[in-house]
Amino acid sequence: MTVPSCGGRLPASIEEDLIRAATRGFSRIFVLWLLSHGSLSGYGIMKKMENLTKRSLNSGTMYPVLYELERGGLIVGEWARKGRRMIKYYYITEEGSKVLENVRELFGKTIGKILLEFLGRI
C-alpha cells in the first residue's frame, strides 16, 4: 500500500539525509573492497569513494571509519615517506578479507537480490 504524498518528492533535506545515511552505511564495505584491490592512502580512499558514489566526502566522515576498521583488525595502516611528507597507507588484513568474503556471500544470497529488485533489474 502506498501512502499519498505531498507533491511526489521528499523535501531535499530528508532526501539528502537518506542518501547520506546509505552512503555512510556502505562506507565500511566500500573501504574493504577498495583495499582488496591494493593499498591506498586515506585521501586516495576518499577520492575513489567520491568517484564511485558521486557524493563528496570529508575527512571527518572517512577517518573515523578507517580508525574503526583499523582497531577492529580489518585493515592496517603503515606510514611511508613521500617526498617531505609522511602518508599513511592502508592495507586490508587477512581478517578483513574474510569479512569482505562473508559480506559478498550475504549479498549474493539475499541482500543482492533485494538490491537488484530495488534497482529494477529483476
PDB file of N, CA and C in Angstrom:
ATOM      1  N   MET A   1       0.844  -1.177   0.000  1.00  0.00           N
ATOM      2  CA  MET A   1       0.000   0.000   0.000  1.00  0.00           C
ATOM      3  C   MET A   1       0.886   1.236   0.000  1.00  0.00           C
ATOM      4  N   THR A   2       0.615   2.176  -0.855  1.00  0.00           N
ATOM      5  CA  THR A   2       1.370   3.418  -0.931  1.00  0.00           C
ATOM      6  C   THR A   2       0.546   4.535  -0.309  1.00  0.00           C
ATOM      7  N   VAL A   3       1.175   5.290   0.546  1.00  0.00           N
ATOM      8  CA  VAL A   3       0.513   6.413   1.197  1.00  0.00           C
ATOM      9  C   VAL A   3       0.635   7.632   0.292  1.00  0.00           C
ATOM     10  N   PRO A   4      -0.451   8.390   0.109  1.00  0.00           N
ATOM     11  CA  PRO A   4      -0.362   9.584  -0.730  1.00  0.00           C
ATOM     12  C   PRO A   4       0.695  10.543  -0.196  1.00  0.00           C
ATOM     13  N   SER A   5       1.379  11.204  -1.110  1.00  0.00           N
ATOM     14  CA  SER A   5       2.439  12.121  -0.714  1.00  0.00           C
ATOM     15  C   SER A   5       1.990  13.555  -0.892  1.00  0.00           C
ATOM     16  N   CYS A   6       2.840  14.433  -0.453  1.00  0.00           N
ATOM     17  CA  CYS A   6       2.569  15.870  -0.563  1.00  0.00           C
ATOM     18  C   CYS A   6       3.333  16.441  -1.739  1.00  0.00           C
ATOM     19  N   GLY A   7       3.115  15.950  -2.940  1.00  0.00           N
ATOM     20  CA  GLY A   7       3.774  16.527  -4.096  1.00  0.00           C
ATOM     21  C   GLY A   7       4.728  15.587  -4.797  1.00  0.00           C
ATOM     22  N   GLY A   8       4.890  14.350  -4.335  1.00  0.00           N
ATOM     23  CA  GLY A   8       5.678  13.390  -5.082  1.00  0.00           C
ATOM     24  C   GLY A   8       7.110  13.212  -4.634  1.00  0.00           C
ATOM     25  N   ARG A   9       7.779  14.260  -4.213  1.00  0.00           N
ATOM     26  CA  ARG A   9       9.186  14.136  -3.811  1.00  0.00           C
ATOM     27  C   ARG A   9       9.340  14.466  -2.347  1.00  0.00           C
ATOM     28  N   LEU A  10      10.338  13.844  -1.742  1.00  0.00           N
ATOM     29  CA  LEU A  10      10.679  14.187  -0.367  1.00  0.00           C
ATOM     30  C   LEU A  10      11.314  15.571  -0.336  1.00  0.00           C
ATOM     31  N   PRO A  11      11.149  16.276   0.762  1.00  0.00           N
ATOM     32  CA  PRO A  11      11.905  17.524   0.880  1.00  0.00           C
ATOM     33  C   PRO A  11      13.393  17.247   0.717  1.00  0.00           C
ATOM     34  N   ALA A  12      14.106  18.186   0.114  1.00  0.00           N
ATOM     35  CA  ALA A  12      15.521  17.983  -0.214  1.00  0.00           C
ATOM     36  C   ALA A  12      16.338  17.545   0.992  1.00  0.00           C
ATOM     37  N   SER A  13      16.075  18.102   2.153  1.00  0.00           N
ATOM     38  CA  SER A  13      16.874  17.750   3.331  1.00  0.00           C
ATOM     39  C   SER A  13      16.665  16.298   3.743  1.00  0.00           C
ATOM     40  N   ILE A  14      15.432  15.802   3.654  1.00  0.00           N
ATOM     41  CA  ILE A  14      15.164  14.404   4.009  1.00  0.00           C
ATOM     42  C   ILE A  14      15.797  13.479   2.974  1.00  0.00           C
ATOM     43  N   GLU A  15      15.648  13.811   1.713  1.00  0.00           N
ATOM     44  CA  GLU A  15      16.245  13.003   0.651  1.00  0.00           C
ATOM     45  C   GLU A  15      17.764  12.954   0.816  1.00  0.00           C
ATOM     46  N   GLU A  16      18.374  14.083   1.066  1.00  0.00           N
ATOM     47  CA  GLU A  16      19.830  14.147   1.261  1.00  0.00           C
ATOM     48  C   GLU A  16      20.251  13.326   2.479  1.00  0.00           C
ATOM     49  N   ASP A  17      19.469  13.390   3.563  1.00  0.00           N
ATOM     50  CA  ASP A  17      19.778  12.601   4.760  1.00  0.00           C
ATOM     51  C   ASP A  17      19.723  11.102   4.467  1.00  0.00           C
ATOM     52  N   LEU A  18      18.729  10.671   3.696  1.00  0.00           N
ATOM     53  CA  LEU A  18      18.614   9.252   3.343  1.00  0.00           C
ATOM     54  C   LEU A  18      19.802   8.801   2.499  1.00  0.00           C
ATOM     55  N   ILE A  19      20.173   9.614   1.515  1.00  0.00           N
ATOM     56  CA  ILE A  19      21.306   9.270   0.653  1.00  0.00           C
ATOM     57  C   ILE A  19      22.603   9.234   1.462  1.00  0.00           C
ATOM     58  N   ARG A  20      22.784  10.218   2.325  1.00  0.00           N
ATOM     59  CA  ARG A  20      23.996  10.280   3.149  1.00  0.00           C
ATOM     60  C   ARG A  20      24.077   9.071   4.086  1.00  0.00           C
ATOM     61  N   ALA A  21      22.943   8.693   4.691  1.00  0.00           N
ATOM     62  CA  ALA A  21      22.924   7.539   5.590  1.00  0.00           C
ATOM     63  C   ALA A  21      23.251   6.247   4.848  1.00  0.00           C
ATOM     64  N   ALA A  22      22.710   6.086   3.637  1.00  0.00           N
ATOM     65  CA  ALA A  22      23.003   4.881   2.851  1.00  0.00           C
ATOM     66  C   ALA A  22      24.474   4.830   2.484  1.00  0.00           C
ATOM     67  N   THR A  23      25.023   5.962   2.055  1.00  0.00           N
ATOM     68  CA  THR A  23      26.443   6.015   1.697  1.00  0.00           C
ATOM     69  C   THR A  23      27.312   5.708   2.905  1.00  0.00           C
ATOM     70  N   ARG A  24      26.967   6.315   4.036  1.00  0.00           N
ATOM     71  CA  ARG A  24      27.740   6.090   5.262  1.00  0.00           C
ATOM     72  C   ARG A  24      27.637   4.624   5.690  1.00  0.00           C
ATOM     73  N   GLY A  25      26.444   4.045   5.539  1.00  0.00           N
ATOM     74  CA  GLY A  25      26.248   2.650   5.927  1.00  0.00           C
ATOM     75  C   GLY A  25      27.092   1.680   5.119  1.00  0.00           C
ATOM     76  N   PHE A  26      27.297   1.989   3.853  1.00  0.00           N
ATOM     77  CA  PHE A  26      28.100   1.108   2.999  1.00  0.00           C
ATOM     78  C   PHE A  26      29.581   1.466   3.010  1.00  0.00           C
ATOM     79  N   SER A  27      29.956   2.534   3.684  1.00  0.00           N
ATOM     80  CA  SER A  27      31.336   3.013   3.597  1.00  0.00           C
ATOM     81  C   SER A  27      32.356   1.983   4.077  1.00  0.00           C
ATOM     82  N   ARG A  28      32.051   1.234   5.118  1.00  0.00           N
ATOM     83  CA  ARG A  28      32.998   0.235   5.619  1.00  0.00           C
ATOM     84  C   ARG A  28      33.225  -0.859   4.576  1.00  0.00           C
ATOM     85  N   ILE A  29      32.123  -1.286   3.943  1.00  0.00           N
ATOM     86  CA  ILE A  29      32.227  -2.306   2.904  1.00  0.00           C
ATOM     87  C   ILE A  29      33.014  -1.756   1.714  1.00  0.00           C
ATOM     88  N   PHE A  30      32.716  -0.508   1.315  1.00  0.00           N
ATOM     89  CA  PHE A  30      33.453   0.121   0.214  1.00  0.00           C
ATOM     90  C   PHE A  30      34.943   0.166   0.504  1.00  0.00           C
ATOM     91  N   VAL A  31      35.298   0.546   1.730  1.00  0.00           N
ATOM     92  CA  VAL A  31      36.721   0.652   2.088  1.00  0.00           C
ATOM     93  C   VAL A  31      37.387  -0.713   1.988  1.00  0.00           C
ATOM     94  N   LEU A  32      36.765  -1.734   2.548  1.00  0.00           N
ATOM     95  CA  LEU A  32      37.353  -3.081   2.465  1.00  0.00           C
ATOM     96  C   LEU A  32      37.487  -3.517   1.015  1.00  0.00           C
ATOM     97  N   TRP A  33      36.457  -3.268   0.219  1.00  0.00           N
ATOM     98  CA  TRP A  33      36.502  -3.657  -1.193  1.00  0.00           C
ATOM     99  C   TRP A  33      37.616  -2.914  -1.932  1.00  0.00           C
ATOM    100  N   LEU A  34      37.713  -1.607  -1.711  1.00  0.00           N
ATOM    101  CA  LEU A  34      38.783  -0.836  -2.369  1.00  0.00           C
ATOM    102  C   LEU A  34      40.154  -1.360  -1.982  1.00  0.00           C
ATOM    103  N   LEU A  35      40.349  -1.625  -0.689  1.00  0.00           N
ATOM    104  CA  LEU A  35      41.659  -2.085  -0.233  1.00  0.00           C
ATOM    105  C   LEU A  35      41.940  -3.527  -0.644  1.00  0.00           C
ATOM    106  N   SER A  36      40.903  -4.272  -1.017  1.00  0.00           N
ATOM    107  CA  SER A  36      41.144  -5.630  -1.515  1.00  0.00           C
ATOM    108  C   SER A  36      41.833  -5.582  -2.877  1.00  0.00           C
ATOM    109  N   HIS A  37      41.810  -4.410  -3.522  1.00  0.00           N
ATOM    110  CA  HIS A  37      42.475  -4.222  -4.812  1.00  0.00           C
ATOM    111  C   HIS A  37      43.865  -3.612  -4.677  1.00  0.00           C
ATOM    112  N   GLY A  38      44.257  -3.227  -3.467  1.00  0.00           N
ATOM    113  CA  GLY A  38      45.581  -2.654  -3.257  1.00  0.00           C
ATOM    114  C   GLY A  38      45.550  -1.547  -2.222  1.00  0.00           C
ATOM    115  N   SER A  39      46.721  -1.172  -1.752  1.00  0.00           N
ATOM    116  CA  SER A  39      46.808  -0.169  -0.697  1.00  0.00           C
ATOM    117  C   SER A  39      46.452   1.213  -1.222  1.00  0.00           C
ATOM    118  N   LEU A  40      45.910   2.033  -0.318  1.00  0.00           N
ATOM    119  CA  LEU A  40      45.562   3.415  -0.631  1.00  0.00           C
ATOM    120  C   LEU A  40      45.760   4.272   0.604  1.00  0.00           C
ATOM    121  N   SER A  41      46.023   5.537   0.392  1.00  0.00           N
ATOM    122  CA  SER A  41      46.044   6.489   1.497  1.00  0.00           C
ATOM    123  C   SER A  41      44.602   6.838   1.852  1.00  0.00           C
ATOM    124  N   GLY A  42      44.410   7.464   2.998  1.00  0.00           N
ATOM    125  CA  GLY A  42      43.074   7.906   3.373  1.00  0.00           C
ATOM    126  C   GLY A  42      42.492   8.839   2.328  1.00  0.00           C
ATOM    127  N   TYR A  43      43.309   9.757   1.840  1.00  0.00           N
ATOM    128  CA  TYR A  43      42.870  10.685   0.801  1.00  0.00           C
ATOM    129  C   TYR A  43      42.506   9.922  -0.482  1.00  0.00           C
ATOM    130  N   GLY A  44      43.308   8.932  -0.834  1.00  0.00           N
ATOM    131  CA  GLY A  44      43.031   8.124  -2.022  1.00  0.00           C
ATOM    132  C   GLY A  44      41.726   7.363  -1.900  1.00  0.00           C
ATOM    133  N   ILE A  45      41.451   6.856  -0.699  1.00  0.00           N
ATOM    134  CA  ILE A  45      40.187   6.156  -0.456  1.00  0.00           C
ATOM    135  C   ILE A  45      39.020   7.127  -0.621  1.00  0.00           C
ATOM    136  N   MET A  46      39.152   8.329  -0.036  1.00  0.00           N
ATOM    137  CA  MET A  46      38.086   9.323  -0.148  1.00  0.00           C
ATOM    138  C   MET A  46      37.808   9.670  -1.599  1.00  0.00           C
ATOM    139  N   LYS A  47      38.852   9.887  -2.383  1.00  0.00           N
ATOM    140  CA  LYS A  47      38.674  10.261  -3.786  1.00  0.00           C
ATOM    141  C   LYS A  47      38.017   9.133  -4.585  1.00  0.00           C
ATOM    142  N   LYS A  48      38.453   7.892  -4.355  1.00  0.00           N
ATOM    143  CA  LYS A  48      37.849   6.766  -5.078  1.00  0.00           C
ATOM    144  C   LYS A  48      36.378   6.604  -4.695  1.00  0.00           C
ATOM    145  N   MET A  49      36.073   6.780  -3.407  1.00  0.00           N
ATOM    146  CA  MET A  49      34.686   6.666  -2.971  1.00  0.00           C
ATOM    147  C   MET A  49      33.840   7.786  -3.557  1.00  0.00           C
ATOM    148  N   GLU A  50      34.394   8.985  -3.643  1.00  0.00           N
ATOM    149  CA  GLU A  50      33.668  10.091  -4.258  1.00  0.00           C
ATOM    150  C   GLU A  50      33.373   9.786  -5.728  1.00  0.00           C
ATOM    151  N   ASN A  51      34.333   9.195  -6.413  1.00  0.00           N
ATOM    152  CA  ASN A  51      34.121   8.828  -7.826  1.00  0.00           C
ATOM    153  C   ASN A  51      33.053   7.745  -7.956  1.00  0.00           C
ATOM    154  N   LEU A  52      33.034   6.786  -7.032  1.00  0.00           N
ATOM    155  CA  LEU A  52      32.054   5.703  -7.080  1.00  0.00           C
ATOM    156  C   LEU A  52      30.649   6.181  -6.746  1.00  0.00           C
ATOM    157  N   THR A  53      30.537   7.013  -5.724  1.00  0.00           N
ATOM    158  CA  THR A  53      29.228   7.401  -5.217  1.00  0.00           C
ATOM    159  C   THR A  53      28.717   8.720  -5.790  1.00  0.00           C
ATOM    160  N   LYS A  54      29.616   9.472  -6.428  1.00  0.00           N
ATOM    161  CA  LYS A  54      29.266  10.814  -6.920  1.00  0.00           C
ATOM    162  C   LYS A  54      28.809  11.725  -5.784  1.00  0.00           C
ATOM    163  N   ARG A  55      29.302  11.443  -4.576  1.00  0.00           N
ATOM    164  CA  ARG A  55      28.988  12.229  -3.381  1.00  0.00           C
ATOM    165  C   ARG A  55      30.304  12.695  -2.777  1.00  0.00           C
ATOM    166  N   SER A  56      30.356  13.935  -2.342  1.00  0.00           N
ATOM    167  CA  SER A  56      31.588  14.409  -1.714  1.00  0.00           C
ATOM    168  C   SER A  56      31.657  13.887  -0.284  1.00  0.00           C
ATOM    169  N   LEU A  57      32.838  13.490   0.107  1.00  0.00           N
ATOM    170  CA  LEU A  57      33.091  13.003   1.463  1.00  0.00           C
ATOM    171  C   LEU A  57      34.081  13.943   2.123  1.00  0.00           C
ATOM    172  N   ASN A  58      34.008  14.019   3.430  1.00  0.00           N
ATOM    173  CA  ASN A  58      35.006  14.824   4.122  1.00  0.00           C
ATOM    174  C   ASN A  58      35.797  13.949   5.075  1.00  0.00           C
ATOM    175  N   SER A  59      36.921  14.448   5.497  1.00  0.00           N
ATOM    176  CA  SER A  59      37.804  13.669   6.361  1.00  0.00           C
ATOM    177  C   SER A  59      37.144  13.360   7.697  1.00  0.00           C
ATOM    178  N   GLY A  60      36.238  14.213   8.150  1.00  0.00           N
ATOM    179  CA  GLY A  60      35.529  13.963   9.403  1.00  0.00           C
ATOM    180  C   GLY A  60      34.602  12.766   9.334  1.00  0.00           C
ATOM    181  N   THR A  61      34.259  12.353   8.141  1.00  0.00           N
ATOM    182  CA  THR A  61      33.449  11.155   7.934  1.00  0.00           C
ATOM    183  C   THR A  61      34.337   9.946   7.678  1.00  0.00           C
ATOM    184  N   MET A  62      35.365  10.114   6.843  1.00  0.00           N
ATOM    185  CA  MET A  62      36.173   8.984   6.398  1.00  0.00           C
ATOM    186  C   MET A  62      37.132   8.470   7.466  1.00  0.00           C
ATOM    187  N   TYR A  63      37.866   9.359   8.114  1.00  0.00           N
ATOM    188  CA  TYR A  63      38.896   8.881   9.028  1.00  0.00           C
ATOM    189  C   TYR A  63      38.357   8.114  10.232  1.00  0.00           C
ATOM    190  N   PRO A  64      37.208   8.479  10.805  1.00  0.00           N
ATOM    191  CA  PRO A  64      36.659   7.620  11.862  1.00  0.00           C
ATOM    192  C   PRO A  64      36.354   6.198  11.377  1.00  0.00           C
ATOM    193  N   VAL A  65      35.907   6.058  10.128  1.00  0.00           N
ATOM    194  CA  VAL A  65      35.660   4.730   9.549  1.00  0.00           C
ATOM    195  C   VAL A  65      36.979   3.965   9.447  1.00  0.00           C
ATOM    196  N   LEU A  66      38.019   4.631   8.963  1.00  0.00           N
ATOM    197  CA  LEU A  66      39.329   3.976   8.840  1.00  0.00           C
ATOM    198  C   LEU A  66      39.863   3.559  10.203  1.00  0.00           C
ATOM    199  N   TYR A  67      39.732   4.438  11.197  1.00  0.00           N
ATOM    200  CA  TYR A  67      40.224   4.107  12.541  1.00  0.00           C
ATOM    201  C   TYR A  67      39.434   2.945  13.129  1.00  0.00           C
ATOM    202  N   GLU A  68      38.127   2.919  12.888  1.00  0.00           N
ATOM    203  CA  GLU A  68      37.303   1.821  13.386  1.00  0.00           C
ATOM    204  C   GLU A  68      37.718   0.486  12.757  1.00  0.00           C
ATOM    205  N   LEU A  69      37.898   0.488  11.448  1.00  0.00           N
ATOM    206  CA  LEU A  69      38.325  -0.742  10.763  1.00  0.00           C
ATOM    207  C   LEU A  69      39.715  -1.166  11.212  1.00  0.00           C
ATOM    208  N   GLU A  70      40.575  -0.187  11.466  1.00  0.00           N
ATOM    209  CA  GLU A  70      41.932  -0.499  11.927  1.00  0.00           C
ATOM    210  C   GLU A  70      41.893  -1.089  13.338  1.00  0.00           C
ATOM    211  N   ARG A  71      41.128  -0.470  14.241  1.00  0.00           N
ATOM    212  CA  ARG A  71      41.001  -1.001  15.607  1.00  0.00           C
ATOM    213  C   ARG A  71      40.417  -2.405  15.600  1.00  0.00           C
ATOM    214  N   GLY A  72      39.514  -2.674  14.641  1.00  0.00           N
ATOM    215  CA  GLY A  72      38.899  -3.993  14.540  1.00  0.00           C
ATOM    216  C   GLY A  72      39.781  -5.037  13.877  1.00  0.00           C
ATOM    217  N   GLY A  73      40.960  -4.631  13.420  1.00  0.00           N
ATOM    218  CA  GLY A  73      41.879  -5.571  12.803  1.00  0.00           C
ATOM    219  C   GLY A  73      41.544  -5.925  11.362  1.00  0.00           C
ATOM    220  N   LEU A  74      40.630  -5.162  10.732  1.00  0.00           N
ATOM    221  CA  LEU A  74      40.243  -5.473   9.363  1.00  0.00           C
ATOM    222  C   LEU A  74      41.152  -4.802   8.342  1.00  0.00           C
ATOM    223  N   ILE A  75      41.772  -3.697   8.745  1.00  0.00           N
ATOM    224  CA  ILE A  75      42.768  -3.029   7.905  1.00  0.00           C
ATOM    225  C   ILE A  75      43.944  -2.648   8.804  1.00  0.00           C
ATOM    226  N   VAL A  76      45.052  -2.361   8.176  1.00  0.00           N
ATOM    227  CA  VAL A  76      46.223  -1.886   8.902  1.00  0.00           C
ATOM    228  C   VAL A  76      46.790  -0.701   8.140  1.00  0.00           C
ATOM    229  N   GLY A  77      47.242   0.283   8.894  1.00  0.00           N
ATOM    230  CA  GLY A  77      47.843   1.456   8.274  1.00  0.00           C
ATOM    231  C   GLY A  77      49.341   1.477   8.525  1.00  0.00           C
ATOM    232  N   GLU A  78      50.096   1.821   7.500  1.00  0.00           N
ATOM    233  CA  GLU A  78      51.560   1.933   7.624  1.00  0.00           C
ATOM    234  C   GLU A  78      51.988   3.270   7.052  1.00  0.00           C
ATOM    235  N   TRP A  79      52.856   3.940   7.802  1.00  0.00           N
ATOM    236  CA  TRP A  79      53.352   5.243   7.369  1.00  0.00           C
ATOM    237  C   TRP A  79      54.481   5.066   6.366  1.00  0.00           C
ATOM    238  N   ALA A  80      54.472   5.917   5.346  1.00  0.00           N
ATOM    239  CA  ALA A  80      55.530   5.900   4.326  1.00  0.00           C
ATOM    240  C   ALA A  80      55.887   7.341   3.984  1.00  0.00           C
ATOM    241  N   ARG A  81      57.149   7.549   3.707  1.00  0.00           N
ATOM    242  CA  ARG A  81      57.593   8.885   3.326  1.00  0.00           C
ATOM    243  C   ARG A  81      57.376   9.085   1.830  1.00  0.00           C
ATOM    244  N   LYS A  82      56.772  10.213   1.494  1.00  0.00           N
ATOM    245  CA  LYS A  82      56.589  10.587   0.094  1.00  0.00           C
ATOM    246  C   LYS A  82      57.090  12.025  -0.017  1.00  0.00           C
ATOM    247  N   GLY A  83      58.295  12.169  -0.540  1.00  0.00           N
ATOM    248  CA  GLY A  83      58.926  13.485  -0.548  1.00  0.00           C
ATOM    249  C   GLY A  83      59.234  13.893   0.877  1.00  0.00           C
ATOM    250  N   ARG A  84      58.742  15.033   1.284  1.00  0.00           N
ATOM    251  CA  ARG A  84      58.954  15.503   2.656  1.00  0.00           C
ATOM    252  C   ARG A  84      57.832  15.097   3.598  1.00  0.00           C
ATOM    253  N   ARG A  85      56.785  14.520   3.043  1.00  0.00           N
ATOM    254  CA  ARG A  85      55.613  14.203   3.854  1.00  0.00           C
ATOM    255  C   ARG A  85      55.554  12.730   4.214  1.00  0.00           C
ATOM    256  N   MET A  86      54.925  12.476   5.345  1.00  0.00           N
ATOM    257  CA  MET A  86      54.613  11.109   5.743  1.00  0.00           C
ATOM    258  C   MET A  86      53.138  10.868   5.424  1.00  0.00           C
ATOM    259  N   ILE A  87      52.865   9.784   4.722  1.00  0.00           N
ATOM    260  CA  ILE A  87      51.499   9.442   4.338  1.00  0.00           C
ATOM    261  C   ILE A  87      51.197   8.043   4.859  1.00  0.00           C
ATOM    262  N   LYS A  88      50.019   7.894   5.422  1.00  0.00           N
ATOM    263  CA  LYS A  88      49.605   6.591   5.935  1.00  0.00           C
ATOM    264  C   LYS A  88      48.843   5.848   4.840  1.00  0.00           C
ATOM    265  N   TYR A  89      49.349   4.683   4.490  1.00  0.00           N
ATOM    266  CA  TYR A  89      48.702   3.825   3.501  1.00  0.00           C
ATOM    267  C   TYR A  89      48.020   2.678   4.231  1.00  0.00           C
ATOM    268  N   TYR A  90      46.829   2.371   3.785  1.00  0.00           N
ATOM    269  CA  TYR A  90      46.030   1.324   4.413  1.00  0.00           C
ATOM    270  C   TYR A  90      46.013   0.079   3.542  1.00  0.00           C
ATOM    271  N   TYR A  91      46.027  -1.075   4.210  1.00  0.00           N
ATOM    272  CA  TYR A  91      46.005  -2.390   3.564  1.00  0.00           C
ATOM    273  C   TYR A  91      44.923  -3.219   4.240  1.00  0.00           C
ATOM    274  N   ILE A  92      44.272  -4.073   3.473  1.00  0.00           N
ATOM    275  CA  ILE A  92      43.302  -4.990   4.069  1.00  0.00           C
ATOM    276  C   ILE A  92      44.082  -6.142   4.708  1.00  0.00           C
ATOM    277  N   THR A  93      43.625  -6.597   5.870  1.00  0.00           N
ATOM    278  CA  THR A  93      44.259  -7.726   6.545  1.00  0.00           C
ATOM    279  C   THR A  93      43.593  -9.032   6.113  1.00  0.00           C
ATOM    280  N   GLU A  94      44.147 -10.133   6.544  1.00  0.00           N
ATOM    281  CA  GLU A  94      43.535 -11.433   6.258  1.00  0.00           C
ATOM    282  C   GLU A  94      42.134 -11.485   6.862  1.00  0.00           C
ATOM    283  N   GLU A  95      41.997 -10.972   8.086  1.00  0.00           N
ATOM    284  CA  GLU A  95      40.679 -10.938   8.730  1.00  0.00           C
ATOM    285  C   GLU A  95      39.715 -10.060   7.943  1.00  0.00           C
ATOM    286  N   GLY A  96      40.196  -8.909   7.456  1.00  0.00           N
ATOM    287  CA  GLY A  96      39.370  -8.025   6.640  1.00  0.00           C
ATOM    288  C   GLY A  96      38.913  -8.712   5.362  1.00  0.00           C
ATOM    289  N   SER A  97      39.805  -9.492   4.758  1.00  0.00           N
ATOM    290  CA  SER A  97      39.444 -10.238   3.545  1.00  0.00           C
ATOM    291  C   SER A  97      38.368 -11.282   3.835  1.00  0.00           C
ATOM    292  N   LYS A  98      38.458 -11.916   5.002  1.00  0.00           N
ATOM    293  CA  LYS A  98      37.443 -12.903   5.387  1.00  0.00           C
ATOM    294  C   LYS A  98      36.091 -12.227   5.586  1.00  0.00           C
ATOM    295  N   VAL A  99      36.104 -11.091   6.262  1.00  0.00           N
ATOM    296  CA  VAL A  99      34.856 -10.356   6.490  1.00  0.00           C
ATOM    297  C   VAL A  99      34.255  -9.919   5.157  1.00  0.00           C
ATOM    298  N   LEU A 100      35.082  -9.407   4.263  1.00  0.00           N
ATOM    299  CA  LEU A 100      34.593  -8.988   2.956  1.00  0.00           C
ATOM    300  C   LEU A 100      33.982 -10.159   2.204  1.00  0.00           C
ATOM    301  N   GLU A 101      34.602 -11.312   2.284  1.00  0.00           N
ATOM    302  CA  GLU A 101      34.059 -12.500   1.617  1.00  0.00           C
ATOM    303  C   GLU A 101      32.709 -12.891   2.227  1.00  0.00           C
ATOM    304  N   ASN A 102      32.591 -12.805   3.550  1.00  0.00           N
ATOM    305  CA  ASN A 102      31.309 -13.102   4.208  1.00  0.00           C
ATOM    306  C   ASN A 102      30.229 -12.122   3.762  1.00  0.00           C
ATOM    307  N   VAL A 103      30.585 -10.848   3.616  1.00  0.00           N
ATOM    308  CA  VAL A 103      29.632  -9.844   3.147  1.00  0.00           C
ATOM    309  C   VAL A 103      29.219 -10.158   1.709  1.00  0.00           C
ATOM    310  N   ARG A 104      30.181 -10.556   0.885  1.00  0.00           N
ATOM    311  CA  ARG A 104      29.865 -10.922  -0.503  1.00  0.00           C
ATOM    312  C   ARG A 104      28.877 -12.087  -0.549  1.00  0.00           C
ATOM    313  N   GLU A 105      29.093 -13.078   0.304  1.00  0.00           N
ATOM    314  CA  GLU A 105      28.186 -14.227   0.344  1.00  0.00           C
ATOM    315  C   GLU A 105      26.791 -13.800   0.767  1.00  0.00           C
ATOM    316  N   LEU A 106      26.704 -12.944   1.782  1.00  0.00           N
ATOM    317  CA  LEU A 106      25.417 -12.457   2.248  1.00  0.00           C
ATOM    318  C   LEU A 106      24.705 -11.694   1.140  1.00  0.00           C
ATOM    319  N   PHE A 107      25.433 -10.837   0.444  1.00  0.00           N
ATOM    320  CA  PHE A 107      24.837 -10.078  -0.646  1.00  0.00           C
ATOM    321  C   PHE A 107      24.438 -11.004  -1.785  1.00  0.00           C
ATOM    322  N   GLY A 108      25.232 -12.017  -2.039  1.00  0.00           N
ATOM    323  CA  GLY A 108      24.909 -12.944  -3.115  1.00  0.00           C
ATOM    324  C   GLY A 108      23.663 -13.752  -2.837  1.00  0.00           C
ATOM    325  N   LYS A 109      23.404 -14.044  -1.581  1.00  0.00           N
ATOM    326  CA  LYS A 109      22.260 -14.888  -1.233  1.00  0.00           C
ATOM    327  C   LYS A 109      20.972 -14.099  -1.072  1.00  0.00           C
ATOM    328  N   THR A 110      21.021 -12.984  -0.379  1.00  0.00           N
ATOM    329  CA  THR A 110      19.770 -12.302  -0.052  1.00  0.00           C
ATOM    330  C   THR A 110      19.770 -10.821  -0.408  1.00  0.00           C
ATOM    331  N   ILE A 111      20.663 -10.087   0.179  1.00  0.00           N
ATOM    332  CA  ILE A 111      20.637  -8.630   0.025  1.00  0.00           C
ATOM    333  C   ILE A 111      20.835  -8.230  -1.430  1.00  0.00           C
ATOM    334  N   GLY A 112      21.693  -8.934  -2.140  1.00  0.00           N
ATOM    335  CA  GLY A 112      21.921  -8.621  -3.549  1.00  0.00           C
ATOM    336  C   GLY A 112      20.642  -8.716  -4.364  1.00  0.00           C
ATOM    337  N   LYS A 113      19.838  -9.737  -4.102  1.00  0.00           N
ATOM    338  CA  LYS A 113      18.572  -9.894  -4.823  1.00  0.00           C
ATOM    339  C   LYS A 113      17.618  -8.751  -4.494  1.00  0.00           C
ATOM    340  N   ILE A 114      17.594  -8.359  -3.247  1.00  0.00           N
ATOM    341  CA  ILE A 114      16.737  -7.231  -2.844  1.00  0.00           C
ATOM    342  C   ILE A 114      17.184  -5.965  -3.540  1.00  0.00           C
ATOM    343  N   LEU A 115      18.496  -5.724  -3.570  1.00  0.00           N
ATOM    344  CA  LEU A 115      19.015  -4.527  -4.224  1.00  0.00           C
ATOM    345  C   LEU A 115      18.736  -4.542  -5.727  1.00  0.00           C
ATOM    346  N   LEU A 116      18.881  -5.697  -6.366  1.00  0.00           N
ATOM    347  CA  LEU A 116      18.574  -5.782  -7.785  1.00  0.00           C
ATOM    348  C   LEU A 116      17.106  -5.475  -8.055  1.00  0.00           C
ATOM    349  N   GLU A 117      16.227  -5.999  -7.204  1.00  0.00           N
ATOM    350  CA  GLU A 117      14.811  -5.703  -7.370  1.00  0.00           C
ATOM    351  C   GLU A 117      14.567  -4.209  -7.122  1.00  0.00           C
ATOM    352  N   PHE A 118      15.188  -3.665  -6.090  1.00  0.00           N
ATOM    353  CA  PHE A 118      15.066  -2.238  -5.784  1.00  0.00           C
ATOM    354  C   PHE A 118      15.495  -1.381  -6.977  1.00  0.00           C
ATOM    355  N   LEU A 119      16.559  -1.790  -7.638  1.00  0.00           N
ATOM    356  CA  LEU A 119      17.075  -1.035  -8.788  1.00  0.00           C
ATOM    357  C   LEU A 119      16.305  -1.332 -10.066  1.00  0.00           C
ATOM    358  N   GLY A 120      15.348  -2.255  -9.995  1.00  0.00           N
ATOM    359  CA  GLY A 120      14.526  -2.566 -11.156  1.00  0.00           C
ATOM    360  C   GLY A 120      15.220  -3.462 -12.161  1.00  0.00           C
ATOM    361  N   ARG A 121      16.114  -4.311 -11.690  1.00  0.00           N
ATOM    362  CA  ARG A 121      16.899  -5.165 -12.604  1.00  0.00           C
ATOM    363  C   ARG A 121      16.490  -6.622 -12.533  1.00  0.00           C
ATOM    364  N   ILE A 122      15.379  -6.908 -11.885  1.00  0.00           N
ATOM    365  CA  ILE A 122      14.884  -8.290 -11.829  1.00  0.00           C
ATOM    366  C   ILE A 122      13.570  -8.344 -12.584  1.00  0.00           C
TER     367      ILE A 122
END
